[in-house]
Structures are given as structure tokens and as C-alpha cells.
């Protein structure tokens, strides 16, 4: 309960800077429901933050803010859909480093330009990348995990969201530690955590 209140407070504080210029420029905004595209499946961090933001924006601006989850390709599919929406402020996208920056360095290139197809309003959350294992594994420390992975190349696998910061962090971790582990791509953190548990 306390954690939810802290997350909600953080979202509200961040949203305090999110739309003031747009609201001042269009005093009747929003005059109809607003869609927030979260380019990941339900259950992950972006989905939770999107829903908290939608709830608070709806209260403050007296219109429904509706989350639509469009997962896949590290956030690129949903972000691409948002790039094709009418530029009227009634479709927002909660994007991140993967679909905003990393994807532009991968093949195939996204069919949108993060710098010209969007107006970046505000950062509403940031979070750490955390390495977790199922509680039933014998690993209680990072050293135990690394030692096992080195002694058993290819026997461990891990989940990741393609092109997301966690994916990049895991690749760097494997390279630095000299590990061979099999990566399993997921459409987002929610489905990945469900499978881990």
C-alpha cells in the first residue's frame, strides 16, 4: 500500500510538468477521451506507470485517459502506431530508451523518427535494471550465478525485451563476465516476470 502511494506520488509530481504548455495553449483540452499508447504488454513497469499517469491525468483534466497496450519489438510497434496518429494531442505514447534511441541503431530501422515525429513532453519515470532469479534456484549471490554460468555454458537462459535498456545491460554483463547464456525475447516485462515466477 505504501509503495503504491509512493509510486503514485512520484507519477503525480512528474506529471506536474507534463502538459502545462499544451493545456495553456488549448484551454479546452481535452474535450474528449485521450489515448495513451503503452508500447509494451500489461504488467510491466511502463504499463503500471502509464495507468497511474492515466488515472491522475483523468482526474486533473476531467476526461478519461485510456491506456492501450501495443507490445512488441522492444516498444517499436506501439511507438510506430503512435507516430501515425493525428497530431491533435489525443494520442500520447509512453516511450522509452529502447524505442526512442536504441531501435534507431538496429535493423530494420523503425518507420518513425523519434526527433521529428514526436514532441517530447516530460519524463514521468525512470527505474533501475535488476537481475532477478526464480526463488527456487540455488543462486543467492551474483558470484554464485556467474560461477555456475561459467562452469555450465549455455545451460542458463534469461528473458529480455528487445532493444530495451535491460537487454543492453544484460549483453554488456555477459560480455564483461565472459558468459554464454541463451536470451529469450519477450514482448515486455510483464509476460517475462510471469514466466520467471
C-alpha atoms as a PDB file:
ATOM      1  CA  UNK A   1       0.000   0.000   0.000  1.00  0.00           C
ATOM      2  CA  UNK A   2       2.776   2.439   0.941  1.00  0.00           C
ATOM      3  CA  UNK A   3       4.735   1.537  -2.199  1.00  0.00           C
ATOM      4  CA  UNK A   4       1.682   2.207  -4.409  1.00  0.00           C
ATOM      5  CA  UNK A   5       1.221   5.598  -2.730  1.00  0.00           C
ATOM      6  CA  UNK A   6       4.898   6.459  -3.276  1.00  0.00           C
ATOM      7  CA  UNK A   7       4.731   5.441  -6.936  1.00  0.00           C
ATOM      8  CA  UNK A   8       1.502   7.402  -7.367  1.00  0.00           C
ATOM      9  CA  UNK A   9       3.048  10.460  -5.702  1.00  0.00           C
ATOM     10  CA  UNK A  10       6.095  10.215  -7.977  1.00  0.00           C
ATOM     11  CA  UNK A  11       3.846   9.954 -11.033  1.00  0.00           C
ATOM     12  CA  UNK A  12       1.789  12.950  -9.927  1.00  0.00           C
ATOM     13  CA  UNK A  13       4.911  15.006  -9.244  1.00  0.00           C
ATOM     14  CA  UNK A  14       6.360  14.144 -12.644  1.00  0.00           C
ATOM     15  CA  UNK A  15       3.082  14.858 -14.389  1.00  0.00           C
ATOM     16  CA  UNK A  16       3.052  18.308 -12.870  1.00  0.00           C
ATOM     17  CA  UNK A  17       5.465  19.240 -15.657  1.00  0.00           C
ATOM     18  CA  UNK A  18       3.939  17.057 -18.352  1.00  0.00           C
ATOM     19  CA  UNK A  19       1.194  19.059 -20.037  1.00  0.00           C
ATOM     20  CA  UNK A  20       1.073  22.645 -18.764  1.00  0.00           C
ATOM     21  CA  UNK A  21       2.081  24.320 -22.040  1.00  0.00           C
ATOM     22  CA  UNK A  22      -0.311  22.235 -24.117  1.00  0.00           C
ATOM     23  CA  UNK A  23      -3.119  22.911 -21.653  1.00  0.00           C
ATOM     24  CA  UNK A  24      -2.418  26.646 -21.645  1.00  0.00           C
ATOM     25  CA  UNK A  25      -2.282  26.730 -25.437  1.00  0.00           C
ATOM     26  CA  UNK A  26      -5.618  24.908 -25.727  1.00  0.00           C
ATOM     27  CA  UNK A  27      -7.712  25.774 -22.687  1.00  0.00           C
ATOM     28  CA  UNK A  28     -10.492  23.405 -23.781  1.00  0.00           C
ATOM     29  CA  UNK A  29      -8.088  20.448 -23.959  1.00  0.00           C
ATOM     30  CA  UNK A  30      -9.045  17.728 -23.578  1.00  0.00           C
ATOM     31  CA  UNK A  31     -12.590  17.894 -24.860  1.00  0.00           C
ATOM     32  CA  UNK A  32     -12.777  14.127 -25.431  1.00  0.00           C
ATOM     33  CA  UNK A  33     -11.034  10.980 -24.132  1.00  0.00           C
ATOM     34  CA  UNK A  34      -7.269  10.722 -24.641  1.00  0.00           C
ATOM     35  CA  UNK A  35      -5.486   7.500 -25.575  1.00  0.00           C
ATOM     36  CA  UNK A  36      -2.110   6.680 -24.010  1.00  0.00           C
ATOM     37  CA  UNK A  37      -0.296   4.029 -26.012  1.00  0.00           C
ATOM     38  CA  UNK A  38       1.979   1.934 -23.827  1.00  0.00           C
ATOM     39  CA  UNK A  39       4.174   0.050 -26.305  1.00  0.00           C
ATOM     40  CA  UNK A  40       4.517  -2.984 -24.031  1.00  0.00           C
ATOM     41  CA  UNK A  41       2.129  -5.655 -22.738  1.00  0.00           C
ATOM     42  CA  UNK A  42       0.236  -5.204 -19.485  1.00  0.00           C
ATOM     43  CA  UNK A  43       2.004  -5.908 -16.223  1.00  0.00           C
ATOM     44  CA  UNK A  44       5.405  -4.290 -16.722  1.00  0.00           C
ATOM     45  CA  UNK A  45       6.807  -1.033 -15.377  1.00  0.00           C
ATOM     46  CA  UNK A  46       5.734   1.067 -18.372  1.00  0.00           C
ATOM     47  CA  UNK A  47       2.192  -0.289 -18.138  1.00  0.00           C
ATOM     48  CA  UNK A  48       1.973   0.453 -14.409  1.00  0.00           C
ATOM     49  CA  UNK A  49       3.325   3.978 -14.855  1.00  0.00           C
ATOM     50  CA  UNK A  50       1.033   4.550 -17.844  1.00  0.00           C
ATOM     51  CA  UNK A  51      -2.006   3.520 -15.814  1.00  0.00           C
ATOM     52  CA  UNK A  52      -1.006   5.693 -12.861  1.00  0.00           C
ATOM     53  CA  UNK A  53      -0.481   8.634 -15.220  1.00  0.00           C
ATOM     54  CA  UNK A  54      -3.805   7.983 -16.986  1.00  0.00           C
ATOM     55  CA  UNK A  55      -5.659   7.868 -13.677  1.00  0.00           C
ATOM     56  CA  UNK A  56      -4.179  11.125 -12.411  1.00  0.00           C
ATOM     57  CA  UNK A  57      -4.449  12.985 -15.731  1.00  0.00           C
ATOM     58  CA  UNK A  58      -8.090  11.918 -15.977  1.00  0.00           C
ATOM     59  CA  UNK A  59      -8.798  13.324 -12.519  1.00  0.00           C
ATOM     60  CA  UNK A  60      -6.946  16.570 -13.144  1.00  0.00           C
ATOM     61  CA  UNK A  61      -8.225  17.225 -16.666  1.00  0.00           C
ATOM     62  CA  UNK A  62     -11.763  15.816 -16.250  1.00  0.00           C
ATOM     63  CA  UNK A  63     -11.593  13.455 -19.243  1.00  0.00           C
ATOM     64  CA  UNK A  64     -10.792   9.750 -19.450  1.00  0.00           C
ATOM     65  CA  UNK A  65      -7.208   8.855 -20.321  1.00  0.00           C
ATOM     66  CA  UNK A  66      -7.307   5.303 -21.683  1.00  0.00           C
ATOM     67  CA  UNK A  67      -4.257   3.036 -21.790  1.00  0.00           C
ATOM     68  CA  UNK A  68      -3.856   0.886 -24.887  1.00  0.00           C
ATOM     69  CA  UNK A  69      -1.090  -1.720 -24.670  1.00  0.00           C
ATOM     70  CA  UNK A  70       0.553  -2.439 -28.036  1.00  0.00           C
ATOM     71  CA  UNK A  71       3.588  -4.582 -27.289  1.00  0.00           C
ATOM     72  CA  UNK A  72       6.305  -5.982 -29.480  1.00  0.00           C
ATOM     73  CA  UNK A  73       9.744  -5.301 -30.943  1.00  0.00           C
ATOM     74  CA  UNK A  74      11.049  -3.563 -27.825  1.00  0.00           C
ATOM     75  CA  UNK A  75       8.331  -0.925 -27.964  1.00  0.00           C
ATOM     76  CA  UNK A  76       8.754  -0.134 -31.658  1.00  0.00           C
ATOM     77  CA  UNK A  77       5.354  -1.472 -32.797  1.00  0.00           C
ATOM     78  CA  UNK A  78       3.335   0.664 -30.378  1.00  0.00           C
ATOM     79  CA  UNK A  79       5.553   3.704 -30.894  1.00  0.00           C
ATOM     80  CA  UNK A  80       5.161   3.355 -34.660  1.00  0.00           C
ATOM     81  CA  UNK A  81       1.377   3.212 -34.249  1.00  0.00           C
ATOM     82  CA  UNK A  82       1.522   6.401 -32.178  1.00  0.00           C
ATOM     83  CA  UNK A  83       3.606   8.121 -34.865  1.00  0.00           C
ATOM     84  CA  UNK A  84       0.730   7.619 -37.325  1.00  0.00           C
ATOM     85  CA  UNK A  85      -1.915   9.138 -35.049  1.00  0.00           C
ATOM     86  CA  UNK A  86      -3.375  12.565 -35.767  1.00  0.00           C
ATOM     87  CA  UNK A  87      -1.154  15.251 -34.206  1.00  0.00           C
ATOM     88  CA  UNK A  88      -4.002  16.625 -32.097  1.00  0.00           C
ATOM     89  CA  UNK A  89      -2.893  15.669 -28.578  1.00  0.00           C
ATOM     90  CA  UNK A  90      -5.472  12.901 -28.231  1.00  0.00           C
ATOM     91  CA  UNK A  91      -2.948  10.095 -28.684  1.00  0.00           C
ATOM     92  CA  UNK A  92       0.030  10.063 -26.344  1.00  0.00           C
ATOM     93  CA  UNK A  93       2.757   7.426 -26.154  1.00  0.00           C
ATOM     94  CA  UNK A  94       4.744   6.361 -23.118  1.00  0.00           C
ATOM     95  CA  UNK A  95       8.024   5.537 -24.785  1.00  0.00           C
ATOM     96  CA  UNK A  96      11.484   4.711 -23.501  1.00  0.00           C
ATOM     97  CA  UNK A  97      15.126   4.399 -24.382  1.00  0.00           C
ATOM     98  CA  UNK A  98      14.610   1.256 -26.479  1.00  0.00           C
ATOM     99  CA  UNK A  99      12.025   2.576 -28.920  1.00  0.00           C
ATOM    100  CA  UNK A 100      13.313   6.136 -28.694  1.00  0.00           C
ATOM    101  CA  UNK A 101      17.048   5.647 -29.214  1.00  0.00           C
ATOM    102  CA  UNK A 102      18.361   2.076 -29.362  1.00  0.00           C
ATOM    103  CA  UNK A 103      15.948   0.952 -32.094  1.00  0.00           C
ATOM    104  CA  UNK A 104      17.352   3.576 -34.468  1.00  0.00           C
ATOM    105  CA  UNK A 105      20.698   1.763 -34.391  1.00  0.00           C
ATOM    106  CA  UNK A 106      19.261  -1.663 -35.205  1.00  0.00           C
ATOM    107  CA  UNK A 107      17.977  -3.322 -38.354  1.00  0.00           C
ATOM    108  CA  UNK A 108      15.339  -2.987 -39.602  1.00  0.00           C
ATOM    109  CA  UNK A 109      15.073   0.685 -38.761  1.00  0.00           C
ATOM    110  CA  UNK A 110      11.784   1.852 -37.249  1.00  0.00           C
ATOM    111  CA  UNK A 111       9.356   3.603 -39.583  1.00  0.00           C
ATOM    112  CA  UNK A 112       9.356   6.733 -37.439  1.00  0.00           C
ATOM    113  CA  UNK A 113      11.840   9.387 -36.390  1.00  0.00           C
ATOM    114  CA  UNK A 114      11.913   9.986 -32.646  1.00  0.00           C
ATOM    115  CA  UNK A 115      13.196  13.532 -33.142  1.00  0.00           C
ATOM    116  CA  UNK A 116      10.687  14.739 -35.728  1.00  0.00           C
ATOM    117  CA  UNK A 117       7.584  12.566 -35.354  1.00  0.00           C
ATOM    118  CA  UNK A 118       7.038  13.321 -31.663  1.00  0.00           C
ATOM    119  CA  UNK A 119       7.058  16.250 -29.275  1.00  0.00           C
ATOM    120  CA  UNK A 120       8.710  15.018 -26.108  1.00  0.00           C
ATOM    121  CA  UNK A 121       6.702  16.384 -23.190  1.00  0.00           C
ATOM    122  CA  UNK A 122       8.182  15.033 -19.987  1.00  0.00           C
ATOM    123  CA  UNK A 123       9.959  12.169 -18.315  1.00  0.00           C
ATOM    124  CA  UNK A 124       7.492  10.538 -15.942  1.00  0.00           C
ATOM    125  CA  UNK A 125       9.587   7.709 -14.555  1.00  0.00           C
ATOM    126  CA  UNK A 126      12.944   6.032 -14.517  1.00  0.00           C
ATOM    127  CA  UNK A 127      13.981   2.826 -12.923  1.00  0.00           C
ATOM    128  CA  UNK A 128      16.921   0.522 -12.414  1.00  0.00           C
ATOM    129  CA  UNK A 129      17.650  -2.659 -14.288  1.00  0.00           C
ATOM    130  CA  UNK A 130      17.602  -5.502 -11.779  1.00  0.00           C
ATOM    131  CA  UNK A 131      18.878  -9.040 -12.251  1.00  0.00           C
ATOM    132  CA  UNK A 132      16.457 -11.469 -10.588  1.00  0.00           C
ATOM    133  CA  UNK A 133      16.186 -15.248 -10.480  1.00  0.00           C
ATOM    134  CA  UNK A 134      13.387 -17.611  -9.549  1.00  0.00           C
ATOM    135  CA  UNK A 135      13.471 -18.142  -5.763  1.00  0.00           C
ATOM    136  CA  UNK A 136      13.830 -21.889  -6.322  1.00  0.00           C
ATOM    137  CA  UNK A 137      17.272 -21.565  -7.919  1.00  0.00           C
ATOM    138  CA  UNK A 138      20.369 -22.237  -5.819  1.00  0.00           C
ATOM    139  CA  UNK A 139      21.809 -18.775  -6.585  1.00  0.00           C
ATOM    140  CA  UNK A 140      21.812 -16.363  -3.652  1.00  0.00           C
ATOM    141  CA  UNK A 141      24.588 -14.070  -4.892  1.00  0.00           C
ATOM    142  CA  UNK A 142      25.747 -12.730  -8.231  1.00  0.00           C
ATOM    143  CA  UNK A 143      29.047 -14.569  -7.778  1.00  0.00           C
ATOM    144  CA  UNK A 144      27.223 -17.902  -7.433  1.00  0.00           C
ATOM    145  CA  UNK A 145      25.298 -17.198 -10.632  1.00  0.00           C
ATOM    146  CA  UNK A 146      28.436 -16.185 -12.553  1.00  0.00           C
ATOM    147  CA  UNK A 147      30.418 -19.189 -11.296  1.00  0.00           C
ATOM    148  CA  UNK A 148      27.641 -21.568 -12.383  1.00  0.00           C
ATOM    149  CA  UNK A 149      27.227 -19.896 -15.770  1.00  0.00           C
ATOM    150  CA  UNK A 150      30.975 -20.102 -16.450  1.00  0.00           C
ATOM    151  CA  UNK A 151      31.094 -23.769 -15.445  1.00  0.00           C
ATOM    152  CA  UNK A 152      27.961 -24.583 -17.492  1.00  0.00           C
ATOM    153  CA  UNK A 153      27.997 -22.521 -20.712  1.00  0.00           C
ATOM    154  CA  UNK A 154      24.598 -22.361 -22.395  1.00  0.00           C
ATOM    155  CA  UNK A 155      22.696 -24.052 -19.554  1.00  0.00           C
ATOM    156  CA  UNK A 156      21.204 -20.832 -18.204  1.00  0.00           C
ATOM    157  CA  UNK A 157      18.740 -18.684 -20.079  1.00  0.00           C
ATOM    158  CA  UNK A 158      17.282 -15.266 -19.389  1.00  0.00           C
ATOM    159  CA  UNK A 159      14.423 -13.146 -20.610  1.00  0.00           C
ATOM    160  CA  UNK A 160      14.660  -9.705 -22.138  1.00  0.00           C
ATOM    161  CA  UNK A 161      12.649  -7.114 -24.004  1.00  0.00           C
ATOM    162  CA  UNK A 162      14.465  -6.498 -27.322  1.00  0.00           C
ATOM    163  CA  UNK A 163      16.343  -3.201 -27.608  1.00  0.00           C
ATOM    164  CA  UNK A 164      15.322  -2.119 -24.098  1.00  0.00           C
ATOM    165  CA  UNK A 165      17.867  -0.918 -21.558  1.00  0.00           C
ATOM    166  CA  UNK A 166      17.699  -4.243 -19.686  1.00  0.00           C
ATOM    167  CA  UNK A 167      18.594  -6.073 -22.896  1.00  0.00           C
ATOM    168  CA  UNK A 168      21.599  -3.826 -23.463  1.00  0.00           C
ATOM    169  CA  UNK A 169      22.665  -4.173 -19.805  1.00  0.00           C
ATOM    170  CA  UNK A 170      22.462  -7.978 -19.988  1.00  0.00           C
ATOM    171  CA  UNK A 171      24.532  -8.088 -23.173  1.00  0.00           C
ATOM    172  CA  UNK A 172      27.172  -5.917 -21.513  1.00  0.00           C
ATOM    173  CA  UNK A 173      27.076  -8.085 -18.372  1.00  0.00           C
ATOM    174  CA  UNK A 174      27.554 -11.309 -20.381  1.00  0.00           C
ATOM    175  CA  UNK A 175      30.391  -9.793 -22.388  1.00  0.00           C
ATOM    176  CA  UNK A 176      32.159  -8.360 -19.342  1.00  0.00           C
ATOM    177  CA  UNK A 177      31.800 -11.575 -17.310  1.00  0.00           C
ATOM    178  CA  UNK A 178      32.622 -13.831 -20.275  1.00  0.00           C
ATOM    179  CA  UNK A 179      29.345 -15.774 -20.084  1.00  0.00           C
ATOM    180  CA  UNK A 180      27.350 -17.722 -22.647  1.00  0.00           C
ATOM    181  CA  UNK A 181      23.658 -17.675 -21.745  1.00  0.00           C
ATOM    182  CA  UNK A 182      20.656 -18.078 -24.013  1.00  0.00           C
ATOM    183  CA  UNK A 183      18.487 -14.966 -24.314  1.00  0.00           C
ATOM    184  CA  UNK A 184      14.736 -15.387 -24.757  1.00  0.00           C
ATOM    185  CA  UNK A 185      12.965 -12.325 -26.216  1.00  0.00           C
ATOM    186  CA  UNK A 186       9.673 -11.178 -24.683  1.00  0.00           C
ATOM    187  CA  UNK A 187       7.205  -8.509 -25.776  1.00  0.00           C
ATOM    188  CA  UNK A 188       7.599  -6.844 -22.377  1.00  0.00           C
ATOM    189  CA  UNK A 189       8.453  -7.176 -18.710  1.00  0.00           C
ATOM    190  CA  UNK A 190       5.028  -8.352 -17.557  1.00  0.00           C
ATOM    191  CA  UNK A 191       4.976 -11.622 -19.538  1.00  0.00           C
ATOM    192  CA  UNK A 192       8.658 -12.178 -18.741  1.00  0.00           C
ATOM    193  CA  UNK A 193       8.125 -11.891 -14.981  1.00  0.00           C
ATOM    194  CA  UNK A 194       5.124 -14.227 -15.186  1.00  0.00           C
ATOM    195  CA  UNK A 195       7.304 -16.897 -16.800  1.00  0.00           C
ATOM    196  CA  UNK A 196      10.130 -16.405 -14.302  1.00  0.00           C
ATOM    197  CA  UNK A 197       7.789 -16.976 -11.400  1.00  0.00           C
END
